[in-house]
């Protein structure tokens, strides 16, 4: 089952339908619960075992344990309107864990965070993140101070409302690019660098750009982007997709496959096993990502052997020749 999925799975969808039937006043006996769920799913569905029914009641805490033959929803009398899907225990644990992450305040208002944390006080704390180790993670993560949070929400607002973003960018090379204007279209998070990045379209240069959020300052919302311009930007970005995928083979030595998955986690990629513990990786990429990909492939060292495109193969050979000359 996918956590927080709109329909979850067919049995839980059927269960929600059943809950609403009971809430509208329909009398359903406890002994009929399994049969009713089965009928809601499909006539040909295999019979539902009582183990599922018991687990359903445990996860959802649905029914009062009154000594009566009819099902009664806990905390509900008969009422009008639909009852929303309730989160399971697993989902509550996951949500409680996510709220411990300081990045939660980037997406939720303080009032909402307080309400959610209070509602989840009785949920068991598994401290999941303490048991997850990410190798190669950098320690120069973003500092989520008041200015950073304000900038994040401003970029998010510009994306949602389809507005230009006016900004000053302090580049990694030490350049200061003042009073720039671009169309932001994506916020992404680099798990290894622990940084948010903004992808934008520069209309004047007709190219996409990417900037670390912590390097942007003096942010302001610009005018609304017209529908024609906005669609044109998306089409231009798509047109930069390279026809031939980056293809390379990796021999799984020194955790090479694990490193490959981490390095290229943000790309559209596929992987298949060949032989002798060797894998072939194919990555779709845009023209503006070429240099970034070359750097990542070179960081793999001798474990990676690039097959194409020829342009990238030639550039890697050139850099290696300079390095060894």
C-alpha atoms as a PDB file:
ATOM      1  CA  UNK A   1       0.000   0.000   0.000  1.00  0.00           C
ATOM      2  CA  UNK A   2       1.258   3.482  -0.860  1.00  0.00           C
ATOM      3  CA  UNK A   3       1.224   5.850   2.102  1.00  0.00           C
ATOM      4  CA  UNK A   4      -1.170   8.782   1.697  1.00  0.00           C
ATOM      5  CA  UNK A   5      -2.331   7.584  -1.731  1.00  0.00           C
ATOM      6  CA  UNK A   6      -5.740   9.045  -2.593  1.00  0.00           C
ATOM      7  CA  UNK A   7      -7.330   5.627  -3.066  1.00  0.00           C
ATOM      8  CA  UNK A   8      -4.784   3.563  -1.073  1.00  0.00           C
ATOM      9  CA  UNK A   9      -5.866   0.117  -2.283  1.00  0.00           C
ATOM     10  CA  UNK A  10      -9.129  -1.512  -3.315  1.00  0.00           C
ATOM     11  CA  UNK A  11      -9.897  -2.992   0.106  1.00  0.00           C
ATOM     12  CA  UNK A  12      -9.376   0.278   1.959  1.00  0.00           C
ATOM     13  CA  UNK A  13     -11.373   2.180  -0.674  1.00  0.00           C
ATOM     14  CA  UNK A  14     -14.192  -0.316  -0.087  1.00  0.00           C
ATOM     15  CA  UNK A  15     -13.797   0.133   3.668  1.00  0.00           C
ATOM     16  CA  UNK A  16     -14.186   3.920   3.377  1.00  0.00           C
ATOM     17  CA  UNK A  17     -17.364   3.393   1.348  1.00  0.00           C
ATOM     18  CA  UNK A  18     -18.635   1.086   4.089  1.00  0.00           C
ATOM     19  CA  UNK A  19     -17.786   3.615   6.802  1.00  0.00           C
ATOM     20  CA  UNK A  20     -19.879   6.224   5.028  1.00  0.00           C
ATOM     21  CA  UNK A  21     -22.783   3.803   4.681  1.00  0.00           C
ATOM     22  CA  UNK A  22     -22.711   3.291   8.455  1.00  0.00           C
ATOM     23  CA  UNK A  23     -22.358   7.043   9.080  1.00  0.00           C
ATOM     24  CA  UNK A  24     -25.514   7.655   6.997  1.00  0.00           C
ATOM     25  CA  UNK A  25     -27.447   5.376   9.338  1.00  0.00           C
ATOM     26  CA  UNK A  26     -27.331   1.984   7.587  1.00  0.00           C
ATOM     27  CA  UNK A  27     -27.462  -0.907  10.042  1.00  0.00           C
ATOM     28  CA  UNK A  28     -24.620  -3.381   9.433  1.00  0.00           C
ATOM     29  CA  UNK A  29     -23.884  -6.253  11.781  1.00  0.00           C
ATOM     30  CA  UNK A  30     -20.345  -6.957  12.957  1.00  0.00           C
ATOM     31  CA  UNK A  31     -20.575 -10.417  11.469  1.00  0.00           C
ATOM     32  CA  UNK A  32     -21.313  -8.871   8.046  1.00  0.00           C
ATOM     33  CA  UNK A  33     -18.215  -6.646   7.909  1.00  0.00           C
ATOM     34  CA  UNK A  34     -16.006  -8.966   5.843  1.00  0.00           C
ATOM     35  CA  UNK A  35     -18.798  -9.837   3.410  1.00  0.00           C
ATOM     36  CA  UNK A  36     -19.776  -6.201   2.900  1.00  0.00           C
ATOM     37  CA  UNK A  37     -16.199  -5.157   2.110  1.00  0.00           C
ATOM     38  CA  UNK A  38     -15.860  -8.067  -0.297  1.00  0.00           C
ATOM     39  CA  UNK A  39     -19.068  -7.050  -2.095  1.00  0.00           C
ATOM     40  CA  UNK A  40     -17.834  -3.456  -2.431  1.00  0.00           C
ATOM     41  CA  UNK A  41     -14.564  -4.595  -4.035  1.00  0.00           C
ATOM     42  CA  UNK A  42     -15.748  -7.190  -6.550  1.00  0.00           C
ATOM     43  CA  UNK A  43     -17.956 -10.238  -6.627  1.00  0.00           C
ATOM     44  CA  UNK A  44     -15.038 -12.389  -7.791  1.00  0.00           C
ATOM     45  CA  UNK A  45     -12.605 -11.191  -5.123  1.00  0.00           C
ATOM     46  CA  UNK A  46     -11.341 -13.934  -2.784  1.00  0.00           C
ATOM     47  CA  UNK A  47     -12.938 -13.978   0.645  1.00  0.00           C
ATOM     48  CA  UNK A  48     -11.427 -11.561   3.176  1.00  0.00           C
ATOM     49  CA  UNK A  49      -9.987 -13.270   6.245  1.00  0.00           C
ATOM     50  CA  UNK A  50     -10.706 -12.166   9.775  1.00  0.00           C
ATOM     51  CA  UNK A  51      -7.012 -11.378  10.192  1.00  0.00           C
ATOM     52  CA  UNK A  52      -7.507  -8.495   7.753  1.00  0.00           C
ATOM     53  CA  UNK A  53     -10.646  -7.344   9.580  1.00  0.00           C
ATOM     54  CA  UNK A  54      -8.847  -7.385  12.927  1.00  0.00           C
ATOM     55  CA  UNK A  55      -5.896  -5.477  11.505  1.00  0.00           C
ATOM     56  CA  UNK A  56      -8.253  -2.981   9.853  1.00  0.00           C
ATOM     57  CA  UNK A  57      -9.928  -2.224  13.155  1.00  0.00           C
ATOM     58  CA  UNK A  58      -6.543  -1.934  14.895  1.00  0.00           C
ATOM     59  CA  UNK A  59      -5.001   0.378  12.274  1.00  0.00           C
ATOM     60  CA  UNK A  60      -7.979   2.656  11.899  1.00  0.00           C
ATOM     61  CA  UNK A  61      -9.497   2.430  15.390  1.00  0.00           C
ATOM     62  CA  UNK A  62     -12.832   2.557  13.599  1.00  0.00           C
ATOM     63  CA  UNK A  63     -15.440   1.034  15.817  1.00  0.00           C
ATOM     64  CA  UNK A  64     -16.659   1.290  19.367  1.00  0.00           C
ATOM     65  CA  UNK A  65     -16.371  -1.978  21.270  1.00  0.00           C
ATOM     66  CA  UNK A  66     -19.916  -1.834  22.555  1.00  0.00           C
ATOM     67  CA  UNK A  67     -21.721  -5.065  23.313  1.00  0.00           C
ATOM     68  CA  UNK A  68     -24.046  -4.772  20.381  1.00  0.00           C
ATOM     69  CA  UNK A  69     -24.429  -6.741  17.172  1.00  0.00           C
ATOM     70  CA  UNK A  70     -24.301  -3.594  15.006  1.00  0.00           C
ATOM     71  CA  UNK A  71     -21.228  -1.618  13.987  1.00  0.00           C
ATOM     72  CA  UNK A  72     -20.933   1.858  15.480  1.00  0.00           C
ATOM     73  CA  UNK A  73     -18.241   4.306  14.408  1.00  0.00           C
ATOM     74  CA  UNK A  74     -16.015   5.577  17.175  1.00  0.00           C
ATOM     75  CA  UNK A  75     -16.637   9.267  17.761  1.00  0.00           C
ATOM     76  CA  UNK A  76     -19.446   9.517  15.200  1.00  0.00           C
ATOM     77  CA  UNK A  77     -23.164   9.462  15.408  1.00  0.00           C
ATOM     78  CA  UNK A  78     -25.334   9.605  12.311  1.00  0.00           C
ATOM     79  CA  UNK A  79     -24.245  12.609  10.274  1.00  0.00           C
ATOM     80  CA  UNK A  80     -24.610  14.133   6.838  1.00  0.00           C
ATOM     81  CA  UNK A  81     -21.765  14.388   4.367  1.00  0.00           C
ATOM     82  CA  UNK A  82     -18.889  12.072   3.579  1.00  0.00           C
ATOM     83  CA  UNK A  83     -16.302  11.000   6.133  1.00  0.00           C
ATOM     84  CA  UNK A  84     -12.764  11.475   4.824  1.00  0.00           C
ATOM     85  CA  UNK A  85     -10.245   8.657   4.568  1.00  0.00           C
ATOM     86  CA  UNK A  86      -8.514   8.258   7.901  1.00  0.00           C
ATOM     87  CA  UNK A  87      -4.739   7.911   8.155  1.00  0.00           C
ATOM     88  CA  UNK A  88      -3.491   4.502   9.278  1.00  0.00           C
ATOM     89  CA  UNK A  89      -1.115   3.985  12.211  1.00  0.00           C
ATOM     90  CA  UNK A  90       1.766   3.626   9.734  1.00  0.00           C
ATOM     91  CA  UNK A  91       0.871   6.931   8.117  1.00  0.00           C
ATOM     92  CA  UNK A  92       0.630   8.675  11.494  1.00  0.00           C
ATOM     93  CA  UNK A  93       4.083   7.378  12.460  1.00  0.00           C
ATOM     94  CA  UNK A  94       5.511   8.562   9.129  1.00  0.00           C
ATOM     95  CA  UNK A  95       3.862  11.988   9.456  1.00  0.00           C
ATOM     96  CA  UNK A  96       5.076  12.443  13.026  1.00  0.00           C
ATOM     97  CA  UNK A  97       8.612  11.614  11.919  1.00  0.00           C
ATOM     98  CA  UNK A  98       8.469  14.074   9.010  1.00  0.00           C
ATOM     99  CA  UNK A  99       7.294  16.855  11.302  1.00  0.00           C
ATOM    100  CA  UNK A 100      10.493  16.459  13.347  1.00  0.00           C
ATOM    101  CA  UNK A 101      12.488  17.540  10.284  1.00  0.00           C
ATOM    102  CA  UNK A 102      13.197  21.278  10.373  1.00  0.00           C
ATOM    103  CA  UNK A 103      12.321  21.512   6.657  1.00  0.00           C
ATOM    104  CA  UNK A 104       8.652  20.967   7.578  1.00  0.00           C
ATOM    105  CA  UNK A 105       8.400  24.680   8.410  1.00  0.00           C
ATOM    106  CA  UNK A 106       9.165  25.473   4.765  1.00  0.00           C
ATOM    107  CA  UNK A 107       5.892  23.882   3.694  1.00  0.00           C
ATOM    108  CA  UNK A 108       3.578  24.399   6.684  1.00  0.00           C
ATOM    109  CA  UNK A 109       2.601  27.413   8.742  1.00  0.00           C
ATOM    110  CA  UNK A 110       3.540  27.450  12.440  1.00  0.00           C
ATOM    111  CA  UNK A 111      -0.120  27.152  13.466  1.00  0.00           C
ATOM    112  CA  UNK A 112      -0.583  24.050  11.299  1.00  0.00           C
ATOM    113  CA  UNK A 113       2.605  22.457  12.668  1.00  0.00           C
ATOM    114  CA  UNK A 114       1.443  22.990  16.251  1.00  0.00           C
ATOM    115  CA  UNK A 115      -1.987  21.467  15.549  1.00  0.00           C
ATOM    116  CA  UNK A 116      -0.517  18.431  13.776  1.00  0.00           C
ATOM    117  CA  UNK A 117       2.061  17.768  16.487  1.00  0.00           C
ATOM    118  CA  UNK A 118      -0.612  18.004  19.172  1.00  0.00           C
ATOM    119  CA  UNK A 119      -2.898  15.608  17.269  1.00  0.00           C
ATOM    120  CA  UNK A 120      -0.025  13.094  16.963  1.00  0.00           C
ATOM    121  CA  UNK A 121       1.146  13.223  20.589  1.00  0.00           C
ATOM    122  CA  UNK A 122      -0.166   9.742  21.311  1.00  0.00           C
ATOM    123  CA  UNK A 123       1.496   8.164  18.274  1.00  0.00           C
ATOM    124  CA  UNK A 124       4.558   6.016  18.914  1.00  0.00           C
ATOM    125  CA  UNK A 125       7.858   7.696  18.016  1.00  0.00           C
ATOM    126  CA  UNK A 126      10.082   5.368  15.976  1.00  0.00           C
ATOM    127  CA  UNK A 127      12.872   7.951  15.366  1.00  0.00           C
ATOM    128  CA  UNK A 128      13.281   6.572  11.842  1.00  0.00           C
ATOM    129  CA  UNK A 129      15.908   9.093  10.717  1.00  0.00           C
ATOM    130  CA  UNK A 130      18.334   8.012  13.442  1.00  0.00           C
ATOM    131  CA  UNK A 131      18.437   4.576  11.819  1.00  0.00           C
ATOM    132  CA  UNK A 132      19.068   5.841   8.255  1.00  0.00           C
ATOM    133  CA  UNK A 133      22.621   6.574   7.194  1.00  0.00           C
ATOM    134  CA  UNK A 134      23.353   8.333   3.892  1.00  0.00           C
ATOM    135  CA  UNK A 135      26.936   7.888   2.732  1.00  0.00           C
ATOM    136  CA  UNK A 136      28.729  10.806   1.121  1.00  0.00           C
ATOM    137  CA  UNK A 137      26.394  13.448   2.553  1.00  0.00           C
ATOM    138  CA  UNK A 138      27.999  16.907   2.711  1.00  0.00           C
ATOM    139  CA  UNK A 139      27.913  18.857   5.957  1.00  0.00           C
ATOM    140  CA  UNK A 140      27.382  22.351   4.478  1.00  0.00           C
ATOM    141  CA  UNK A 141      23.597  22.118   4.527  1.00  0.00           C
ATOM    142  CA  UNK A 142      21.291  25.125   4.203  1.00  0.00           C
ATOM    143  CA  UNK A 143      20.663  27.193   7.326  1.00  0.00           C
ATOM    144  CA  UNK A 144      16.895  27.577   7.651  1.00  0.00           C
ATOM    145  CA  UNK A 145      16.812  31.007   9.241  1.00  0.00           C
ATOM    146  CA  UNK A 146      13.972  33.528   8.876  1.00  0.00           C
ATOM    147  CA  UNK A 147      15.368  35.008   5.632  1.00  0.00           C
ATOM    148  CA  UNK A 148      15.820  31.569   4.045  1.00  0.00           C
ATOM    149  CA  UNK A 149      12.252  30.515   4.888  1.00  0.00           C
ATOM    150  CA  UNK A 150      10.926  33.787   3.458  1.00  0.00           C
ATOM    151  CA  UNK A 151      12.884  33.243   0.209  1.00  0.00           C
ATOM    152  CA  UNK A 152      11.719  29.636  -0.094  1.00  0.00           C
ATOM    153  CA  UNK A 153       8.065  30.606   0.246  1.00  0.00           C
ATOM    154  CA  UNK A 154       8.525  33.483  -2.206  1.00  0.00           C
ATOM    155  CA  UNK A 155       9.970  31.139  -4.855  1.00  0.00           C
ATOM    156  CA  UNK A 156       7.189  28.640  -4.180  1.00  0.00           C
ATOM    157  CA  UNK A 157       4.606  31.407  -4.577  1.00  0.00           C
ATOM    158  CA  UNK A 158       6.170  32.545  -7.868  1.00  0.00           C
ATOM    159  CA  UNK A 159       5.949  28.986  -9.229  1.00  0.00           C
ATOM    160  CA  UNK A 160       2.365  28.479  -8.072  1.00  0.00           C
ATOM    161  CA  UNK A 161       1.152  31.843  -9.400  1.00  0.00           C
ATOM    162  CA  UNK A 162       3.192  31.747 -12.623  1.00  0.00           C
ATOM    163  CA  UNK A 163       5.187  34.909 -11.900  1.00  0.00           C
ATOM    164  CA  UNK A 164       8.652  36.147 -12.782  1.00  0.00           C
ATOM    165  CA  UNK A 165      11.225  36.062  -9.982  1.00  0.00           C
ATOM    166  CA  UNK A 166      13.537  39.039  -9.507  1.00  0.00           C
ATOM    167  CA  UNK A 167      16.753  38.193  -7.663  1.00  0.00           C
ATOM    168  CA  UNK A 168      20.468  38.688  -7.059  1.00  0.00           C
ATOM    169  CA  UNK A 169      22.627  35.583  -7.433  1.00  0.00           C
ATOM    170  CA  UNK A 170      26.021  35.098  -5.765  1.00  0.00           C
ATOM    171  CA  UNK A 171      27.593  32.371  -7.922  1.00  0.00           C
ATOM    172  CA  UNK A 172      30.072  29.701  -6.840  1.00  0.00           C
ATOM    173  CA  UNK A 173      32.740  31.566  -8.876  1.00  0.00           C
ATOM    174  CA  UNK A 174      32.276  34.697  -6.779  1.00  0.00           C
ATOM    175  CA  UNK A 175      30.290  36.642  -9.378  1.00  0.00           C
ATOM    176  CA  UNK A 176      27.420  38.882  -8.268  1.00  0.00           C
ATOM    177  CA  UNK A 177      24.522  38.920 -10.747  1.00  0.00           C
ATOM    178  CA  UNK A 178      22.181  41.713  -9.694  1.00  0.00           C
ATOM    179  CA  UNK A 179      18.568  42.505 -10.635  1.00  0.00           C
ATOM    180  CA  UNK A 180      18.079  39.362 -12.687  1.00  0.00           C
ATOM    181  CA  UNK A 181      14.657  38.161 -13.816  1.00  0.00           C
ATOM    182  CA  UNK A 182      13.642  34.614 -14.714  1.00  0.00           C
ATOM    183  CA  UNK A 183      10.670  32.229 -14.666  1.00  0.00           C
ATOM    184  CA  UNK A 184      11.018  29.681 -11.824  1.00  0.00           C
ATOM    185  CA  UNK A 185       9.452  26.324 -12.657  1.00  0.00           C
ATOM    186  CA  UNK A 186      10.871  23.821 -10.153  1.00  0.00           C
ATOM    187  CA  UNK A 187      12.262  23.562  -6.617  1.00  0.00           C
ATOM    188  CA  UNK A 188      14.395  20.486  -6.014  1.00  0.00           C
ATOM    189  CA  UNK A 189      16.345  19.099  -3.061  1.00  0.00           C
ATOM    190  CA  UNK A 190      19.821  17.571  -3.312  1.00  0.00           C
ATOM    191  CA  UNK A 191      19.960  14.814  -0.688  1.00  0.00           C
ATOM    192  CA  UNK A 192      23.765  14.627  -0.640  1.00  0.00           C
ATOM    193  CA  UNK A 193      24.426  18.378  -0.653  1.00  0.00           C
ATOM    194  CA  UNK A 194      21.434  18.993   1.658  1.00  0.00           C
ATOM    195  CA  UNK A 195      20.484  22.037  -0.393  1.00  0.00           C
ATOM    196  CA  UNK A 196      17.422  23.318  -2.241  1.00  0.00           C
ATOM    197  CA  UNK A 197      17.927  24.474  -5.816  1.00  0.00           C
ATOM    198  CA  UNK A 198      15.706  26.592  -8.060  1.00  0.00           C
ATOM    199  CA  UNK A 199      15.337  25.754 -11.753  1.00  0.00           C
ATOM    200  CA  UNK A 200      14.411  28.799 -13.852  1.00  0.00           C
ATOM    201  CA  UNK A 201      14.033  29.829 -17.476  1.00  0.00           C
ATOM    202  CA  UNK A 202      15.988  32.877 -18.642  1.00  0.00           C
ATOM    203  CA  UNK A 203      13.974  34.427 -21.466  1.00  0.00           C
ATOM    204  CA  UNK A 204      16.684  36.813 -22.645  1.00  0.00           C
ATOM    205  CA  UNK A 205      19.292  34.064 -23.021  1.00  0.00           C
ATOM    206  CA  UNK A 206      16.687  31.433 -23.954  1.00  0.00           C
ATOM    207  CA  UNK A 207      18.141  28.824 -21.662  1.00  0.00           C
ATOM    208  CA  UNK A 208      17.365  27.153 -18.341  1.00  0.00           C
ATOM    209  CA  UNK A 209      19.432  28.030 -15.271  1.00  0.00           C
ATOM    210  CA  UNK A 210      19.783  26.468 -11.853  1.00  0.00           C
ATOM    211  CA  UNK A 211      20.818  28.213  -8.637  1.00  0.00           C
ATOM    212  CA  UNK A 212      21.256  27.193  -5.008  1.00  0.00           C
ATOM    213  CA  UNK A 213      18.552  28.871  -2.973  1.00  0.00           C
ATOM    214  CA  UNK A 214      21.047  29.960  -0.307  1.00  0.00           C
ATOM    215  CA  UNK A 215      22.967  31.954  -2.964  1.00  0.00           C
ATOM    216  CA  UNK A 216      19.922  34.055  -3.902  1.00  0.00           C
ATOM    217  CA  UNK A 217      19.105  37.350  -2.207  1.00  0.00           C
ATOM    218  CA  UNK A 218      16.943  40.447  -2.696  1.00  0.00           C
ATOM    219  CA  UNK A 219      14.108  38.264  -4.004  1.00  0.00           C
ATOM    220  CA  UNK A 220      10.880  39.811  -5.224  1.00  0.00           C
ATOM    221  CA  UNK A 221       7.843  38.726  -7.210  1.00  0.00           C
ATOM    222  CA  UNK A 222       7.632  40.032 -10.755  1.00  0.00           C
ATOM    223  CA  UNK A 223       4.732  40.320 -13.165  1.00  0.00           C
ATOM    224  CA  UNK A 224       2.488  37.443 -14.144  1.00  0.00           C
ATOM    225  CA  UNK A 225       3.856  35.308 -16.950  1.00  0.00           C
ATOM    226  CA  UNK A 226       1.434  35.234 -19.872  1.00  0.00           C
ATOM    227  CA  UNK A 227       0.094  31.832 -20.878  1.00  0.00           C
ATOM    228  CA  UNK A 228       1.818  32.073 -24.243  1.00  0.00           C
ATOM    229  CA  UNK A 229       5.215  32.860 -22.744  1.00  0.00           C
ATOM    230  CA  UNK A 230       4.896  30.237 -20.029  1.00  0.00           C
ATOM    231  CA  UNK A 231       4.018  27.457 -22.465  1.00  0.00           C
ATOM    232  CA  UNK A 232       6.812  28.622 -24.746  1.00  0.00           C
ATOM    233  CA  UNK A 233       9.275  28.302 -21.855  1.00  0.00           C
ATOM    234  CA  UNK A 234       8.194  24.742 -21.091  1.00  0.00           C
ATOM    235  CA  UNK A 235       8.478  23.819 -24.764  1.00  0.00           C
ATOM    236  CA  UNK A 236      11.939  25.341 -25.001  1.00  0.00           C
ATOM    237  CA  UNK A 237      13.115  23.432 -21.931  1.00  0.00           C
ATOM    238  CA  UNK A 238      11.780  20.186 -23.407  1.00  0.00           C
ATOM    239  CA  UNK A 239      13.542  20.931 -26.693  1.00  0.00           C
ATOM    240  CA  UNK A 240      16.870  20.869 -24.858  1.00  0.00           C
ATOM    241  CA  UNK A 241      16.483  17.163 -24.101  1.00  0.00           C
ATOM    242  CA  UNK A 242      19.351  15.285 -25.774  1.00  0.00           C
ATOM    243  CA  UNK A 243      18.204  12.532 -28.156  1.00  0.00           C
ATOM    244  CA  UNK A 244      20.925  10.047 -27.178  1.00  0.00           C
ATOM    245  CA  UNK A 245      20.994   8.965 -23.542  1.00  0.00           C
ATOM    246  CA  UNK A 246      24.173   8.973 -21.494  1.00  0.00           C
ATOM    247  CA  UNK A 247      25.140   5.303 -21.337  1.00  0.00           C
ATOM    248  CA  UNK A 248      27.842   3.787 -19.167  1.00  0.00           C
ATOM    249  CA  UNK A 249      28.705   0.471 -17.562  1.00  0.00           C
ATOM    250  CA  UNK A 250      29.595   0.041 -13.903  1.00  0.00           C
ATOM    251  CA  UNK A 251      31.265  -2.941 -12.287  1.00  0.00           C
ATOM    252  CA  UNK A 252      29.903  -3.337  -8.783  1.00  0.00           C
ATOM    253  CA  UNK A 253      33.133  -2.970  -6.833  1.00  0.00           C
ATOM    254  CA  UNK A 254      33.721  -0.638  -3.872  1.00  0.00           C
ATOM    255  CA  UNK A 255      29.952   0.004  -3.556  1.00  0.00           C
ATOM    256  CA  UNK A 256      29.948   1.397  -7.120  1.00  0.00           C
ATOM    257  CA  UNK A 257      26.252   0.726  -7.774  1.00  0.00           C
ATOM    258  CA  UNK A 258      25.200   2.337  -4.503  1.00  0.00           C
ATOM    259  CA  UNK A 259      27.330   5.396  -5.317  1.00  0.00           C
ATOM    260  CA  UNK A 260      25.883   5.516  -8.825  1.00  0.00           C
ATOM    261  CA  UNK A 261      22.308   5.521  -7.522  1.00  0.00           C
ATOM    262  CA  UNK A 262      23.108   8.359  -5.115  1.00  0.00           C
ATOM    263  CA  UNK A 263      25.021  10.457  -7.659  1.00  0.00           C
ATOM    264  CA  UNK A 264      22.336  10.214 -10.330  1.00  0.00           C
ATOM    265  CA  UNK A 265      19.268  10.092  -8.067  1.00  0.00           C
ATOM    266  CA  UNK A 266      17.731  13.266  -9.537  1.00  0.00           C
ATOM    267  CA  UNK A 267      17.888  12.086 -13.174  1.00  0.00           C
ATOM    268  CA  UNK A 268      15.480  10.017 -15.235  1.00  0.00           C
ATOM    269  CA  UNK A 269      17.472   6.786 -15.419  1.00  0.00           C
ATOM    270  CA  UNK A 270      17.281   3.050 -15.993  1.00  0.00           C
ATOM    271  CA  UNK A 271      19.604   0.236 -14.949  1.00  0.00           C
ATOM    272  CA  UNK A 272      19.953  -3.379 -16.044  1.00  0.00           C
ATOM    273  CA  UNK A 273      22.322  -6.144 -15.107  1.00  0.00           C
ATOM    274  CA  UNK A 274      24.610  -7.528 -17.822  1.00  0.00           C
ATOM    275  CA  UNK A 275      27.010 -10.197 -16.515  1.00  0.00           C
ATOM    276  CA  UNK A 276      29.845 -10.684 -14.043  1.00  0.00           C
ATOM    277  CA  UNK A 277      28.217  -8.208 -11.653  1.00  0.00           C
ATOM    278  CA  UNK A 278      28.331  -5.460 -14.312  1.00  0.00           C
ATOM    279  CA  UNK A 279      25.441  -3.062 -14.845  1.00  0.00           C
ATOM    280  CA  UNK A 280      24.453  -0.725 -17.685  1.00  0.00           C
ATOM    281  CA  UNK A 281      22.989   2.659 -16.753  1.00  0.00           C
ATOM    282  CA  UNK A 282      21.113   4.919 -19.176  1.00  0.00           C
ATOM    283  CA  UNK A 283      20.317   8.533 -18.241  1.00  0.00           C
ATOM    284  CA  UNK A 284      18.097  11.043 -20.035  1.00  0.00           C
ATOM    285  CA  UNK A 285      19.487  14.561 -19.796  1.00  0.00           C
ATOM    286  CA  UNK A 286      19.232  18.123 -21.098  1.00  0.00           C
ATOM    287  CA  UNK A 287      21.996  19.987 -22.893  1.00  0.00           C
ATOM    288  CA  UNK A 288      22.556  22.260 -19.901  1.00  0.00           C
ATOM    289  CA  UNK A 289      23.210  19.212 -17.664  1.00  0.00           C
ATOM    290  CA  UNK A 290      26.083  17.897 -19.788  1.00  0.00           C
ATOM    291  CA  UNK A 291      28.983  19.379 -17.816  1.00  0.00           C
ATOM    292  CA  UNK A 292      27.414  18.382 -14.519  1.00  0.00           C
ATOM    293  CA  UNK A 293      27.060  14.779 -15.727  1.00  0.00           C
ATOM    294  CA  UNK A 294      30.660  14.630 -16.951  1.00  0.00           C
ATOM    295  CA  UNK A 295      31.856  15.684 -13.500  1.00  0.00           C
ATOM    296  CA  UNK A 296      29.729  13.026 -11.832  1.00  0.00           C
ATOM    297  CA  UNK A 297      30.906  10.273 -14.190  1.00  0.00           C
ATOM    298  CA  UNK A 298      34.560  11.252 -13.660  1.00  0.00           C
ATOM    299  CA  UNK A 299      34.027  11.057  -9.896  1.00  0.00           C
ATOM    300  CA  UNK A 300      33.106   7.385 -10.334  1.00  0.00           C
ATOM    301  CA  UNK A 301      36.721   6.630 -11.283  1.00  0.00           C
ATOM    302  CA  UNK A 302      37.770   3.385 -12.922  1.00  0.00           C
ATOM    303  CA  UNK A 303      34.482   1.622 -12.034  1.00  0.00           C
ATOM    304  CA  UNK A 304      32.618   3.509 -14.811  1.00  0.00           C
ATOM    305  CA  UNK A 305      33.104   2.983 -18.565  1.00  0.00           C
ATOM    306  CA  UNK A 306      31.202   5.461 -20.765  1.00  0.00           C
ATOM    307  CA  UNK A 307      29.655   4.154 -23.998  1.00  0.00           C
ATOM    308  CA  UNK A 308      28.036   7.314 -25.348  1.00  0.00           C
ATOM    309  CA  UNK A 309      27.139   9.886 -26.557  1.00  0.00           C
ATOM    310  CA  UNK A 310      30.385  10.315 -28.488  1.00  0.00           C
ATOM    311  CA  UNK A 311      30.619  13.998 -27.535  1.00  0.00           C
ATOM    312  CA  UNK A 312      30.746  13.122 -23.830  1.00  0.00           C
ATOM    313  CA  UNK A 313      33.139  10.221 -24.412  1.00  0.00           C
ATOM    314  CA  UNK A 314      35.525  12.573 -26.262  1.00  0.00           C
ATOM    315  CA  UNK A 315      35.331  15.226 -23.542  1.00  0.00           C
ATOM    316  CA  UNK A 316      36.074  12.680 -20.797  1.00  0.00           C
ATOM    317  CA  UNK A 317      39.067  11.363 -22.784  1.00  0.00           C
ATOM    318  CA  UNK A 318      40.324  14.943 -23.263  1.00  0.00           C
ATOM    319  CA  UNK A 319      40.114  15.709 -19.536  1.00  0.00           C
ATOM    320  CA  UNK A 320      41.794  12.438 -18.574  1.00  0.00           C
ATOM    321  CA  UNK A 321      44.608  13.072 -21.087  1.00  0.00           C
ATOM    322  CA  UNK A 322      45.208  16.555 -19.642  1.00  0.00           C
ATOM    323  CA  UNK A 323      45.161  15.120 -16.144  1.00  0.00           C
ATOM    324  CA  UNK A 324      47.760  12.446 -16.901  1.00  0.00           C
ATOM    325  CA  UNK A 325      49.926  14.552 -19.236  1.00  0.00           C
END
